[in-house]
Amino acid sequence: MTATIGVVALGRNTFDVPFAEEITKAAFARLDDLDVKIVGPRELLFDADAVLAALPALKAQPLDLLLLLQVTFTDATMTVALADEIDAPVALWGFPEPRTGERLRLNSLCGINLAAHALRRGGTDIKYLFGAPDTTDLTALTSGVSASEFVPASGTREMDETGGAKVVEALKKVRIGVFGQHPDGFHTCEYDPAQISAMTGATVEAHALPGVFDRARGIDADRVADIHAKTDKRVANLADMEPEALDKGLRVYAALSDLAKEGAYTGLAVRCWPEFFTDYGCAACGAMAMISGDGIPCACEADVFGNLSSQILQSLTDEPVFLADLVDIDTNDDTGVFWHCGLAPDTMADPDAGVRVGIHSNRKKPLLHEFPLKPGRITVARLSQSRGEVRMILAGGEMIKRPNSFSGTSGVARFDRPASEILDGVMGEGLEHHYSFAYGEFRPALRAAARSLNIPVVELT
């Protein structure tokens, strides 16, 4: 009997819509080659109203599968709504894009990562595909959507009790200042301050975002000029930035630095979009990268658990850390790309490339860092709430010397396990879309700290 598959293509119009439409057309062409009945709209859907309009056709008959084409990054709002409304197994299909060194045009992998977290945390099992329309094996869609099952790494693992004790003590002094709420549909960034305090001893204090803008507007012009001069010595191309928006970005650096000092905050979690662009007029990335470089880790999208993960790592290293998205997996090259708009501290820059600044790839405003990450051993960690339980996620690998994969700050990593299996772990465990990492090997100390805190550990590698 011919299977009936409901297909919905999701996108966000701040990404490269013409390119996304090409991918959508190619994906449907491949699906049409299958011996299945395809149900649903064939255009990209950009908002909840479009999804709502598509529901009657999708619900008109029983579906054997609901296939969501995550053509660009989106939050998980539409994904969760579709899964709640339609009684069918769910599969996600994400699409790679070339590592051009230019704009991240789709950010599709991050989208299926965010969706998988939300669905798995809500109890919905999912399968996934990640590959180009012309090369991806779709036969699994007609045979129950099989996929590789992730098996965590096992065996005896080294413990560093001294390092673990250092982490536990450091956590008692952690104070996270949260400015603004996480964006809608970012289930990955939800948190309970009471839970965090009971588990680690850390303190979380929340503030309204407009206060940052008010503080930034009031920064003395002479102080801004001094920050400008110091930044100009540190980066290669500050003069290329649009002056008014650059001034605002430097003011944000001063404002957040002051707020951190006044609150005695050891880390910041900031709602970095859209209001920084729409209500104030600059990107927050560069300011937050600079503050991270000052030793106060910053997390975008008000990701408190992400910031907590960064502070855990920073308690073990003398260098700043970086909270990034996993935006690409290349199974042929056996590598993954960690990226964020421009949030990496300049200490992580490949010295042969130097430190440059740029504009946000989607919103076209400064200020953000622009460079490839330096090579070296890395520890990846995330204090995760995936599958409804707090766990410590750990992985090891090597950042290898490569040009910048996408505009902003990015690094190409080769893990201690095949990259395809890392992706199986990310999707199978429904992990969050932000991963903290530091240069060096710190997993023995993190294992010991997790054991002291009674937090289970999942070893990706």
Protein backbone atom coordinates (compact mmCIF):
# COMPACT_ATOMS: atom_id res chain seq x y z
CA MET A 1 0.00 0.00 0.00
CA THR A 2 1.36 3.43 -0.95
CA ALA A 3 2.50 5.48 2.03
CA THR A 4 1.16 9.00 2.55
CA ILE A 5 3.69 11.55 3.71
CA GLY A 6 2.81 15.04 4.85
CA VAL A 7 5.61 17.43 3.91
CA VAL A 8 6.08 20.96 5.20
CA ALA A 9 9.02 23.22 4.26
CA LEU A 10 9.97 25.73 6.95
CA GLY A 11 12.08 28.86 6.58
CA ARG A 12 12.86 32.30 7.96
CA ASN A 13 13.00 35.30 5.68
CA THR A 14 16.13 36.78 7.26
CA PHE A 15 18.15 34.04 5.54
CA ASP A 16 18.83 33.60 1.82
CA VAL A 17 15.28 33.05 0.59
CA PRO A 18 16.06 32.51 -3.14
CA PHE A 19 18.65 29.86 -2.23
CA ALA A 20 16.21 28.28 0.23
CA GLU A 21 13.55 28.14 -2.48
CA GLU A 22 15.98 26.34 -4.79
CA ILE A 23 16.65 23.77 -2.07
CA THR A 24 12.92 23.35 -1.44
CA LYS A 25 12.21 22.75 -5.12
CA ALA A 26 15.02 20.19 -5.37
CA ALA A 27 13.85 18.39 -2.22
CA PHE A 28 10.29 18.03 -3.53
CA ALA A 29 11.64 16.80 -6.87
CA ARG A 30 13.47 14.01 -5.05
CA LEU A 31 10.42 13.18 -2.95
CA ASP A 32 8.30 12.96 -6.09
CA ASP A 33 10.58 10.16 -7.30
CA LEU A 34 9.52 8.01 -4.35
CA ASP A 35 6.59 5.62 -4.56
CA VAL A 36 4.61 7.64 -2.02
CA LYS A 37 1.77 10.14 -1.91
CA ILE A 38 2.93 13.63 -0.96
CA VAL A 39 0.50 15.87 0.92
CA GLY A 40 0.94 19.51 1.92
CA PRO A 41 1.96 22.91 0.53
CA ARG A 42 4.97 23.05 -1.76
CA GLU A 43 6.19 26.52 -0.90
CA LEU A 44 8.32 27.66 2.01
CA LEU A 45 6.30 28.59 5.09
CA PHE A 46 7.70 31.50 7.09
CA ASP A 47 5.30 31.98 9.98
CA ALA A 48 2.66 30.41 12.20
CA ASP A 49 -0.23 31.76 10.09
CA ALA A 50 1.07 29.92 7.02
CA VAL A 51 1.40 26.70 9.03
CA LEU A 52 -2.13 27.13 10.36
CA ALA A 53 -3.42 27.53 6.81
CA ALA A 54 -1.68 24.29 5.80
CA LEU A 55 -3.16 22.17 8.58
CA PRO A 56 -6.53 21.26 6.95
CA ALA A 57 -4.84 19.57 3.98
CA LEU A 58 -2.39 17.78 6.26
CA LYS A 59 -5.17 16.55 8.55
CA ALA A 60 -7.60 15.55 5.79
CA GLN A 61 -6.32 11.96 5.79
CA PRO A 62 -4.16 9.74 7.99
CA LEU A 63 -0.43 10.25 7.45
CA ASP A 64 2.22 7.58 7.67
CA LEU A 65 4.84 10.26 8.29
CA LEU A 66 5.14 13.99 8.87
CA LEU A 67 8.35 15.17 7.18
CA LEU A 68 9.54 18.67 8.07
CA LEU A 69 12.01 20.23 5.66
CA GLN A 70 14.08 22.59 7.83
CA VAL A 71 15.28 24.57 4.83
CA THR A 72 16.65 27.46 6.89
CA PHE A 73 17.05 27.97 10.59
CA THR A 74 13.81 28.69 12.43
CA ASP A 75 12.85 28.50 16.05
CA ALA A 76 10.88 25.42 17.10
CA THR A 77 7.46 27.07 17.40
CA MET A 78 6.09 25.84 14.06
CA THR A 79 7.68 22.42 14.47
CA VAL A 80 6.10 21.83 17.87
CA ALA A 81 2.71 23.10 16.64
CA LEU A 82 2.73 20.68 13.70
CA ALA A 83 3.78 17.74 15.85
CA ASP A 84 1.03 18.55 18.35
CA GLU A 85 -1.66 18.79 15.68
CA ILE A 86 -0.79 15.80 13.51
CA ASP A 87 -0.86 12.23 14.72
CA ALA A 88 2.03 10.74 12.78
CA PRO A 89 5.70 9.88 13.26
CA VAL A 90 7.96 12.89 12.72
CA ALA A 91 11.12 13.17 10.62
CA LEU A 92 13.33 16.23 10.14
CA TRP A 93 15.38 16.91 7.02
CA GLY A 94 18.18 19.46 7.19
CA PHE A 95 20.34 20.69 4.33
CA PRO A 96 24.08 21.42 4.26
CA GLU A 97 25.55 24.41 2.48
CA PRO A 98 29.04 25.10 1.11
CA ARG A 99 31.67 26.45 3.50
CA THR A 100 32.25 29.55 1.41
CA GLY A 101 33.73 31.84 4.05
CA GLU A 102 30.80 34.14 3.39
CA ARG A 103 27.30 34.42 4.79
CA LEU A 104 25.68 31.41 6.47
CA ARG A 105 22.81 31.28 3.99
CA LEU A 106 20.59 28.61 5.55
CA ASN A 107 21.85 27.49 8.99
CA SER A 108 19.60 24.47 8.52
CA LEU A 109 21.53 22.08 10.77
CA CYS A 110 21.09 24.39 13.72
CA GLY A 111 17.37 24.44 12.89
CA ILE A 112 16.92 20.67 13.08
CA ASN A 113 19.04 20.68 16.24
CA LEU A 114 16.66 23.18 17.89
CA ALA A 115 13.62 21.25 16.64
CA ALA A 116 14.93 17.88 17.84
CA HIS A 117 15.54 19.28 21.32
CA ALA A 118 12.02 20.69 21.59
CA LEU A 119 10.33 17.55 20.27
CA ARG A 120 12.36 15.07 22.32
CA ARG A 121 12.01 17.13 25.47
CA GLY A 122 8.25 17.06 24.89
CA GLY A 123 8.28 13.28 24.52
CA THR A 124 8.07 13.08 20.72
CA ASP A 125 10.46 10.63 19.10
CA ILE A 126 12.04 11.80 15.84
CA LYS A 127 14.24 10.58 13.05
CA TYR A 128 16.34 12.85 10.89
CA LEU A 129 18.12 13.28 7.59
CA PHE A 130 20.94 15.71 6.89
CA GLY A 131 22.10 15.96 3.33
CA ALA A 132 21.68 17.62 -0.05
CA PRO A 133 18.56 16.72 -2.07
CA ASP A 134 20.58 15.13 -4.87
CA THR A 135 22.67 12.86 -2.63
CA THR A 136 20.52 11.93 0.37
CA ASP A 137 19.18 8.38 0.56
CA LEU A 138 15.42 8.77 1.00
CA THR A 139 14.48 5.09 0.96
CA ALA A 140 14.28 5.11 4.75
CA LEU A 141 11.24 7.37 4.48
CA THR A 142 9.22 4.53 2.99
CA SER A 143 10.49 1.89 5.38
CA GLY A 144 9.76 3.27 8.79
CA VAL A 145 12.35 6.07 8.76
CA SER A 146 15.29 4.13 10.08
CA ALA A 147 18.39 5.99 11.21
CA SER A 148 21.58 5.28 13.04
CA GLU A 149 20.98 4.93 16.76
CA PHE A 150 23.44 6.79 18.93
CA VAL A 151 25.37 4.82 21.51
CA PRO A 152 27.26 6.97 24.04
CA ALA A 153 30.97 6.27 24.41
CA SER A 154 31.64 3.94 27.32
CA GLY A 155 34.44 2.29 29.23
CA THR A 156 36.63 3.44 32.11
CA ARG A 157 37.17 7.19 32.02
CA GLU A 158 39.84 9.23 33.75
CA MET A 159 38.78 11.34 36.73
CA ASP A 160 40.53 14.48 38.00
CA GLU A 161 39.21 14.91 41.54
CA THR A 162 41.23 18.06 42.20
CA GLY A 163 39.92 19.70 39.05
CA GLY A 164 36.40 18.53 39.82
CA ALA A 165 36.54 20.09 43.28
CA LYS A 166 37.73 23.33 41.70
CA VAL A 167 34.66 23.37 39.43
CA VAL A 168 32.27 22.68 42.30
CA GLU A 169 33.74 25.49 44.40
CA ALA A 170 33.72 27.89 41.45
CA LEU A 171 30.05 27.21 40.80
CA LYS A 172 29.11 28.44 44.28
CA LYS A 173 30.47 31.86 43.30
CA VAL A 174 28.79 32.02 39.90
CA ARG A 175 26.41 34.92 39.38
CA ILE A 176 24.68 35.14 36.01
CA GLY A 177 23.06 38.38 34.92
CA VAL A 178 20.26 37.74 32.43
CA PHE A 179 19.19 40.67 30.27
CA GLY A 180 15.94 40.02 28.40
CA GLN A 181 14.05 36.79 27.87
CA HIS A 182 15.10 34.09 25.45
CA PRO A 183 13.39 34.27 22.02
CA ASP A 184 10.10 32.46 21.47
CA GLY A 185 10.53 28.88 20.32
CA PHE A 186 13.99 28.57 21.88
CA HIS A 187 13.15 25.76 24.27
CA THR A 188 16.91 25.20 24.47
CA CYS A 189 17.28 28.41 26.49
CA GLU A 190 14.65 27.79 29.17
CA TYR A 191 15.82 27.68 32.77
CA ASP A 192 14.64 27.54 36.37
CA PRO A 193 16.81 29.72 38.66
CA ALA A 194 15.76 27.80 41.76
CA GLN A 195 16.80 24.52 40.15
CA ILE A 196 20.17 25.95 39.15
CA SER A 197 20.77 27.27 42.67
CA ALA A 198 19.84 23.99 44.32
CA MET A 199 21.98 21.97 41.91
CA THR A 200 25.13 24.10 41.79
CA GLY A 201 24.87 26.98 44.26
CA ALA A 202 24.98 29.49 41.40
CA THR A 203 22.78 32.60 41.38
CA VAL A 204 20.75 33.87 38.42
CA GLU A 205 19.28 37.38 38.32
CA ALA A 206 17.00 38.57 35.52
CA HIS A 207 16.63 42.11 34.18
CA ALA A 208 14.60 43.78 31.44
CA LEU A 209 16.50 44.32 28.19
CA PRO A 210 15.65 48.02 27.62
CA GLY A 211 17.79 48.90 30.63
CA VAL A 212 20.86 47.90 28.61
CA PHE A 213 19.92 50.34 25.86
CA ASP A 214 19.25 53.14 28.34
CA ARG A 215 22.61 52.56 29.97
CA ALA A 216 24.38 52.44 26.59
CA ARG A 217 22.88 55.74 25.46
CA GLY A 218 24.20 57.40 28.62
CA ILE A 219 27.84 56.34 28.26
CA ASP A 220 30.19 59.33 28.18
CA ALA A 221 31.47 60.17 24.69
CA ASP A 222 35.07 60.39 25.89
CA ARG A 223 34.85 56.85 27.25
CA VAL A 224 33.45 55.62 23.94
CA ALA A 225 36.32 57.32 22.13
CA ASP A 226 38.81 55.56 24.40
CA ILE A 227 37.19 52.16 23.73
CA HIS A 228 37.23 52.95 20.02
CA ALA A 229 40.96 53.72 20.12
CA LYS A 230 41.79 50.52 22.01
CA THR A 231 39.64 48.43 19.67
CA ASP A 232 41.26 50.03 16.63
CA LYS A 233 44.66 48.80 17.85
CA ARG A 234 43.32 45.28 18.34
CA VAL A 235 41.52 44.74 15.01
CA ALA A 236 42.52 45.33 11.42
CA ASN A 237 39.56 47.12 9.86
CA LEU A 238 37.55 49.10 12.38
CA ALA A 239 37.47 52.10 10.04
CA ASP A 240 35.36 50.07 7.58
CA MET A 241 32.39 49.98 9.96
CA GLU A 242 29.43 52.33 9.66
CA PRO A 243 30.22 54.98 12.32
CA GLU A 244 26.84 55.43 14.02
CA ALA A 245 26.14 51.71 14.48
CA LEU A 246 29.77 51.12 15.52
CA ASP A 247 29.42 53.81 18.19
CA LYS A 248 26.32 52.04 19.49
CA GLY A 249 28.13 48.71 19.61
CA LEU A 250 30.99 50.17 21.62
CA ARG A 251 28.48 51.74 23.97
CA VAL A 252 26.90 48.32 24.51
CA TYR A 253 30.30 46.96 25.49
CA ALA A 254 30.68 49.71 28.09
CA ALA A 255 27.11 49.31 29.35
CA LEU A 256 27.25 45.54 29.75
CA SER A 257 30.68 45.78 31.38
CA ASP A 258 29.31 48.26 33.91
CA LEU A 259 26.22 46.16 34.58
CA ALA A 260 28.37 43.09 35.12
CA LYS A 261 30.56 44.96 37.58
CA GLU A 262 27.64 46.46 39.48
CA GLY A 263 25.88 43.10 39.77
CA ALA A 264 29.13 41.24 40.55
CA TYR A 265 28.18 38.97 37.66
CA THR A 266 30.65 36.31 36.60
CA GLY A 267 28.74 35.77 33.34
CA LEU A 268 26.01 37.33 31.21
CA ALA A 269 23.13 35.83 29.20
CA VAL A 270 21.66 38.40 26.82
CA ARG A 271 18.72 38.46 24.44
CA CYS A 272 20.83 39.56 21.49
CA TRP A 273 18.09 39.81 18.82
CA PRO A 274 15.91 41.20 17.39
CA GLU A 275 15.74 44.21 19.71
CA PHE A 276 19.42 45.11 19.50
CA PHE A 277 18.83 45.62 15.78
CA THR A 278 15.26 46.88 15.73
CA ASP A 279 15.11 49.00 18.91
CA TYR A 280 18.70 50.14 19.35
CA GLY A 281 20.54 49.82 16.03
CA CYS A 282 23.55 47.53 16.31
CA ALA A 283 24.64 43.92 16.76
CA ALA A 284 25.42 42.77 20.29
CA CYS A 285 27.91 40.12 19.14
CA GLY A 286 31.11 42.16 19.16
CA ALA A 287 30.44 43.73 22.55
CA MET A 288 29.70 40.32 24.06
CA ALA A 289 32.81 38.81 22.47
CA MET A 290 34.91 41.58 23.98
CA ILE A 291 33.40 41.02 27.42
CA SER A 292 34.05 37.30 27.10
CA GLY A 293 37.63 38.23 26.30
CA ASP A 294 37.71 40.21 29.56
CA GLY A 295 36.98 36.96 31.41
CA ILE A 296 33.20 37.31 31.80
CA PRO A 297 31.62 34.67 29.52
CA CYS A 298 28.62 35.86 27.52
CA ALA A 299 25.79 33.78 26.05
CA CYS A 300 23.54 34.97 23.27
CA GLU A 301 19.80 34.33 23.11
CA ALA A 302 19.68 34.58 26.94
CA ASP A 303 20.94 30.99 27.20
CA VAL A 304 21.51 30.61 30.94
CA PHE A 305 22.49 26.91 30.89
CA GLY A 306 24.84 27.71 28.03
CA ASN A 307 26.46 30.45 30.09
CA LEU A 308 26.67 28.12 33.07
CA SER A 309 28.44 25.59 30.83
CA SER A 310 30.93 28.24 29.75
CA GLN A 311 31.65 29.26 33.32
CA ILE A 312 32.21 25.62 34.28
CA LEU A 313 34.83 25.35 31.55
CA GLN A 314 36.38 28.71 32.34
CA SER A 315 36.96 27.65 35.93
CA LEU A 316 39.47 25.15 34.52
CA THR A 317 41.30 27.28 31.95
CA ASP A 318 43.17 30.55 31.88
CA GLU A 319 41.72 31.44 28.48
CA PRO A 320 38.26 32.72 27.55
CA VAL A 321 35.72 30.20 26.24
CA PHE A 322 33.21 30.27 23.37
CA LEU A 323 29.53 29.28 23.18
CA ALA A 324 28.73 28.32 19.58
CA ASP A 325 26.29 26.58 17.25
CA LEU A 326 27.14 23.38 15.40
CA VAL A 327 26.24 24.49 11.87
CA ASP A 328 27.70 21.85 9.58
CA ILE A 329 28.75 18.21 9.50
CA ASP A 330 30.69 16.94 6.49
CA THR A 331 30.92 13.15 6.57
CA ASN A 332 33.35 13.08 3.61
CA ASP A 333 35.75 15.41 5.40
CA ASP A 334 34.81 13.96 8.80
CA THR A 335 34.54 17.41 10.37
CA GLY A 336 32.02 19.72 11.96
CA VAL A 337 31.85 23.51 12.07
CA PHE A 338 31.29 25.47 15.27
CA TRP A 339 30.13 28.99 14.46
CA HIS A 340 28.47 32.04 15.82
CA CYS A 341 27.75 35.44 14.32
CA GLY A 342 30.90 36.98 15.80
CA LEU A 343 30.88 36.00 19.45
CA ALA A 344 34.28 34.33 19.83
CA PRO A 345 36.85 36.18 21.97
CA ASP A 346 39.88 37.37 20.02
CA THR A 347 42.18 35.04 22.00
CA MET A 348 40.70 32.21 19.92
CA ALA A 349 41.64 33.75 16.57
CA ASP A 350 44.06 31.92 14.31
CA PRO A 351 47.16 34.12 14.64
CA ASP A 352 47.90 33.71 10.94
CA ALA A 353 44.51 35.21 10.05
CA GLY A 354 44.39 37.99 12.62
CA VAL A 355 41.34 39.69 14.10
CA ARG A 356 38.91 41.57 11.91
CA VAL A 357 35.42 42.91 12.56
CA GLY A 358 32.33 42.84 10.39
CA ILE A 359 28.60 43.25 10.08
CA HIS A 360 25.89 40.78 10.99
CA SER A 361 25.22 38.50 8.03
CA ASN A 362 21.42 38.78 8.25
CA ARG A 363 20.84 42.18 9.82
CA LYS A 364 23.75 44.07 8.18
CA LYS A 365 24.80 45.94 11.32
CA PRO A 366 28.14 46.02 13.16
CA LEU A 367 29.84 45.10 15.45
CA LEU A 368 31.05 41.51 15.46
CA HIS A 369 34.32 39.62 15.35
CA GLU A 370 35.41 38.03 12.10
CA PHE A 371 38.09 35.30 12.04
CA PRO A 372 38.75 31.55 11.88
CA LEU A 373 39.55 29.83 15.16
CA LYS A 374 43.07 28.73 15.99
CA PRO A 375 44.01 25.04 15.82
CA GLY A 376 44.39 22.99 18.97
CA ARG A 377 42.88 20.42 21.29
CA ILE A 378 39.37 21.32 22.49
CA THR A 379 36.95 20.14 25.16
CA VAL A 380 33.26 20.53 24.31
CA ALA A 381 30.78 20.64 27.19
CA ARG A 382 27.13 21.41 27.73
CA LEU A 383 25.10 21.28 30.92
CA SER A 384 22.02 20.01 29.13
CA GLN A 385 18.32 19.73 29.93
CA SER A 386 17.68 17.44 26.98
CA ARG A 387 15.11 14.68 27.42
CA GLY A 388 13.86 16.44 30.56
CA GLU A 389 16.88 15.65 32.72
CA VAL A 390 19.95 17.72 33.56
CA ARG A 391 23.05 15.95 32.23
CA MET A 392 26.64 16.85 31.44
CA ILE A 393 27.41 16.34 27.75
CA LEU A 394 31.10 15.92 26.92
CA ALA A 395 33.15 15.56 23.75
CA GLY A 396 36.75 15.94 22.70
CA GLY A 397 38.38 16.81 19.43
CA GLU A 398 40.86 18.94 17.53
CA MET A 399 40.18 22.34 16.06
CA ILE A 400 42.08 22.13 12.79
CA LYS A 401 43.65 24.91 10.77
CA ARG A 402 41.15 25.99 8.14
CA PRO A 403 39.94 29.26 6.60
CA ASN A 404 36.81 30.81 8.06
CA SER A 405 33.91 28.56 7.02
CA PHE A 406 31.28 31.30 7.29
CA SER A 407 31.33 35.02 8.06
CA GLY A 408 31.62 35.74 11.76
CA THR A 409 33.72 33.45 13.92
CA SER A 410 33.97 29.75 13.11
CA GLY A 411 36.22 26.76 13.54
CA VAL A 412 36.45 23.36 11.86
CA ALA A 413 36.64 20.50 14.37
CA ARG A 414 37.61 16.88 13.94
CA PHE A 415 36.14 14.90 16.81
CA ASP A 416 37.47 11.81 18.59
CA ARG A 417 34.64 9.92 16.89
CA PRO A 418 33.29 10.03 13.33
CA ALA A 419 31.42 13.25 12.68
CA SER A 420 28.34 11.35 11.51
CA GLU A 421 28.13 9.66 14.92
CA ILE A 422 28.48 13.00 16.69
CA LEU A 423 25.47 14.24 14.74
CA ASP A 424 23.58 11.07 15.63
CA GLY A 425 24.31 11.92 19.27
CA VAL A 426 23.19 15.53 18.96
CA MET A 427 19.93 14.55 17.28
CA GLY A 428 19.34 11.29 19.12
CA GLU A 429 19.79 12.86 22.53
CA GLY A 430 17.91 16.01 21.50
CA LEU A 431 20.71 18.30 22.66
CA GLU A 432 20.58 22.06 22.82
CA HIS A 433 21.89 24.09 19.90
CA HIS A 434 24.65 25.84 21.86
CA TYR A 435 27.90 24.09 22.82
CA SER A 436 30.59 25.58 25.00
CA PHE A 437 34.20 24.74 24.31
CA ALA A 438 37.67 25.62 25.51
CA TYR A 439 41.17 24.81 24.32
CA GLY A 440 42.70 21.95 26.30
CA GLU A 441 41.61 18.60 27.77
CA PHE A 442 39.29 19.09 30.73
CA ARG A 443 36.96 16.11 30.60
CA PRO A 444 38.50 14.28 33.61
CA ALA A 445 37.77 17.28 35.85
CA LEU A 446 34.28 17.71 34.39
CA ARG A 447 33.46 14.06 35.02
CA ALA A 448 34.57 14.38 38.63
CA ALA A 449 32.57 17.59 39.09
CA ALA A 450 29.45 16.02 37.60
CA ARG A 451 29.78 13.04 39.94
CA SER A 452 30.09 15.37 42.95
CA LEU A 453 27.00 17.27 41.81
CA ASN A 454 25.09 14.04 41.11
CA ILE A 455 24.69 14.96 37.43
CA PRO A 456 24.77 12.11 34.88
CA VAL A 457 27.40 12.33 32.13
CA VAL A 458 26.86 11.52 28.45
CA GLU A 459 30.10 10.97 26.58
CA LEU A 460 29.74 11.81 22.89
CA THR A 461 33.34 10.71 22.24
